[in-house]
Amino acid sequence: MQTKTPRNKLDTLEQVYGYAMNLLNYRDYSSKDMFLKLTNKGANPDDAKKAIAKLISNGFINELHYAKQVYRAWLSKKTYGRLHLLMELRRKNVSEEQVPVIMEEFTDELELENALHAAKHFIQRNEKKIKGNDEKLFSAAARYMGNRGFTSRYIQVLLEQIRTENDM
């Protein structure tokens, strides 16, 4: 059985660099994502590393810019907490040096705002259960907030809103 080779294998450093530049025409990449893309396309790992180093030195790959771009896209969702942000940064291969920088930008005020938005969303989706005094509602609310990366502090925000809505 023959192994399948990539159609346009990248044999030289110039080909690797050119392919990387072409990829950057469409979107930004972290250096880790770019390395994976290049090696999956058939580039020699040493050539991929050299091309990435050149891209970084020329300013075409900027880890901080990429991290902030991921953060802005994530923040626009408005219903997620700090733990979800951390997972998203790691999932998107944001460099470990940039993770603390981005986490500092997500202030307690922003997280509270997201928690209130998530709480409002949960209450709207579960209006009948709230009015019907469903006993399982509080555990469902806690799971909802936990699954969205909120800590117990913000889970309490939602539970207080449910109590207020229902005059409990």
Protein backbone atom coordinates (compact mmCIF):
# COMPACT_ATOMS: atom_id res chain seq x y z
CA MET A 1 0.00 0.00 0.00
CA GLN A 2 1.39 3.37 -0.99
CA THR A 3 1.31 6.27 1.43
CA LYS A 4 -0.36 9.40 0.23
CA THR A 5 1.95 12.38 -0.20
CA PRO A 6 0.77 15.98 -0.33
CA ARG A 7 0.17 17.23 -3.88
CA ASN A 8 2.32 20.33 -3.62
CA LYS A 9 5.01 19.24 -1.21
CA LEU A 10 7.11 22.08 0.11
CA ASP A 11 10.71 21.10 -0.67
CA THR A 12 12.64 24.33 -0.20
CA LEU A 13 12.70 27.06 2.42
CA GLU A 14 11.51 29.55 -0.21
CA GLN A 15 8.48 27.37 -1.00
CA VAL A 16 7.70 27.01 2.70
CA TYR A 17 8.00 30.77 3.23
CA GLY A 18 5.88 31.53 0.17
CA TYR A 19 3.16 29.12 1.26
CA ALA A 20 3.17 30.66 4.74
CA MET A 21 2.84 34.15 3.28
CA ASN A 22 -0.06 32.93 1.17
CA LEU A 23 -1.80 31.56 4.29
CA LEU A 24 -1.31 34.89 6.07
CA ASN A 25 -3.17 36.64 3.25
CA TYR A 26 -6.37 35.04 4.54
CA ARG A 27 -6.02 35.21 8.33
CA ASP A 28 -3.56 35.52 11.19
CA TYR A 29 -1.88 32.51 12.72
CA SER A 30 0.05 31.82 15.88
CA SER A 31 3.52 30.44 15.32
CA LYS A 32 2.35 27.05 16.61
CA ASP A 33 -0.63 26.98 14.20
CA MET A 34 1.60 28.04 11.34
CA PHE A 35 4.11 25.28 12.16
CA LEU A 36 1.32 22.69 12.14
CA LYS A 37 -0.04 24.00 8.83
CA LEU A 38 3.37 23.94 7.18
CA THR A 39 4.38 20.49 8.39
CA ASN A 40 0.96 19.07 7.47
CA LYS A 41 1.51 20.41 3.97
CA GLY A 42 4.77 18.46 3.80
CA ALA A 43 7.37 21.00 4.86
CA ASN A 44 10.52 19.86 6.61
CA PRO A 45 10.19 20.85 10.32
CA ASP A 46 13.53 22.70 10.20
CA ASP A 47 12.42 24.71 7.17
CA ALA A 48 9.08 25.42 8.84
CA LYS A 49 10.86 26.76 11.95
CA LYS A 50 13.17 28.93 9.84
CA ALA A 51 10.27 30.31 7.81
CA ILE A 52 8.33 31.09 10.99
CA ALA A 53 11.36 32.83 12.50
CA LYS A 54 11.61 34.95 9.35
CA LEU A 55 7.88 35.73 9.45
CA ILE A 56 8.19 36.81 13.08
CA SER A 57 11.25 38.97 12.42
CA ASN A 58 9.48 40.63 9.48
CA GLY A 59 6.39 41.27 11.62
CA PHE A 60 4.03 39.00 9.70
CA ILE A 61 3.40 36.79 12.73
CA ASN A 62 2.76 38.72 15.92
CA GLU A 63 1.78 36.58 18.89
CA LEU A 64 0.33 39.47 20.94
CA HIS A 65 -1.76 40.71 18.02
CA TYR A 66 -3.03 37.19 17.39
CA ALA A 67 -3.87 36.71 21.08
CA LYS A 68 -5.80 39.99 21.20
CA GLN A 69 -7.67 39.02 18.04
CA VAL A 70 -8.74 35.71 19.61
CA TYR A 71 -9.74 37.58 22.79
CA ARG A 72 -11.86 40.16 20.94
CA ALA A 73 -13.68 37.43 19.00
CA TRP A 74 -14.28 35.48 22.21
CA LEU A 75 -15.41 38.57 24.14
CA SER A 76 -18.08 39.37 21.57
CA LYS A 77 -19.96 36.20 22.59
CA LYS A 78 -20.75 37.82 26.00
CA THR A 79 -21.95 34.70 27.82
CA TYR A 80 -18.69 33.09 28.93
CA GLY A 81 -16.40 33.37 31.92
CA ARG A 82 -12.72 33.38 32.77
CA LEU A 83 -12.19 29.61 32.66
CA HIS A 84 -13.77 29.39 29.21
CA LEU A 85 -11.46 32.17 28.01
CA LEU A 86 -8.43 30.27 29.26
CA MET A 87 -9.57 27.13 27.42
CA GLU A 88 -10.25 29.11 24.24
CA LEU A 89 -6.79 30.71 24.28
CA ARG A 90 -5.18 27.30 24.65
CA ARG A 91 -7.41 25.75 22.01
CA LYS A 92 -6.45 28.49 19.55
CA ASN A 93 -2.74 27.87 20.28
CA VAL A 94 -2.07 31.32 21.71
CA SER A 95 1.51 31.37 22.97
CA GLU A 96 1.89 30.70 26.70
CA GLU A 97 3.68 34.04 27.14
CA GLN A 98 0.59 35.92 25.91
CA VAL A 99 -2.03 34.05 27.96
CA PRO A 100 -1.40 36.02 31.21
CA VAL A 101 -1.44 39.29 29.27
CA ILE A 102 -4.87 38.51 27.83
CA MET A 103 -6.21 37.16 31.12
CA GLU A 104 -5.34 40.50 32.75
CA GLU A 105 -7.43 42.31 30.16
CA PHE A 106 -10.50 40.31 31.19
CA THR A 107 -11.31 42.28 34.33
CA ASP A 108 -13.71 41.33 37.10
CA GLU A 109 -16.09 44.01 35.79
CA LEU A 110 -16.13 42.43 32.34
CA GLU A 111 -16.67 39.00 33.83
CA LEU A 112 -19.55 40.30 35.95
CA GLU A 113 -21.06 41.88 32.85
CA ASN A 114 -20.75 38.56 30.99
CA ALA A 115 -22.25 36.71 33.97
CA LEU A 116 -25.24 39.04 34.03
CA HIS A 117 -25.69 38.62 30.28
CA ALA A 118 -25.48 34.82 30.63
CA ALA A 119 -27.94 34.92 33.53
CA LYS A 120 -30.40 36.96 31.48
CA HIS A 121 -30.01 34.48 28.61
CA PHE A 122 -30.64 31.51 30.93
CA ILE A 123 -33.71 33.14 32.47
CA GLN A 124 -35.20 33.94 29.05
CA ARG A 125 -34.66 30.35 27.88
CA ASN A 126 -36.16 28.85 31.05
CA GLU A 127 -39.02 31.25 31.76
CA LYS A 128 -41.64 28.51 32.14
CA LYS A 129 -39.52 26.53 34.61
CA ILE A 130 -38.92 29.64 36.69
CA LYS A 131 -42.62 30.47 36.89
CA GLY A 132 -43.43 26.84 37.62
CA ASN A 133 -40.96 26.71 40.55
CA ASP A 134 -39.16 23.75 39.02
CA GLU A 135 -36.93 22.18 41.68
CA LYS A 136 -34.28 21.18 39.16
CA LEU A 137 -33.89 24.78 38.00
CA PHE A 138 -31.12 25.76 40.41
CA SER A 139 -28.91 22.81 39.54
CA ALA A 140 -29.54 23.44 35.83
CA ALA A 141 -28.59 27.08 36.34
CA ALA A 142 -25.38 26.13 38.14
CA ARG A 143 -24.45 23.68 35.36
CA TYR A 144 -25.23 26.30 32.72
CA MET A 145 -22.87 28.82 34.29
CA GLY A 146 -20.21 26.23 35.10
CA ASN A 147 -20.20 24.97 31.52
CA ARG A 148 -19.62 28.53 30.36
CA GLY A 149 -16.51 28.92 32.50
CA PHE A 150 -17.91 30.92 35.39
CA THR A 151 -16.75 30.28 38.93
CA SER A 152 -19.09 29.77 41.88
CA ARG A 153 -19.01 33.52 42.57
CA TYR A 154 -20.83 34.18 39.30
CA ILE A 155 -23.08 31.17 39.62
CA GLN A 156 -24.43 32.92 42.71
CA VAL A 157 -25.21 35.97 40.55
CA LEU A 158 -27.51 33.86 38.38
CA LEU A 159 -29.15 32.14 41.32
CA GLU A 160 -29.88 35.51 42.95
CA GLN A 161 -31.41 36.77 39.71
CA ILE A 162 -33.67 33.71 39.53
CA ARG A 163 -34.76 34.23 43.13
CA THR A 164 -35.48 37.90 42.39
CA GLU A 165 -37.45 37.03 39.24
CA ASN A 166 -39.51 34.51 41.14
CA ASP A 167 -39.73 36.35 44.49
CA MET A 168 -38.35 33.30 46.36
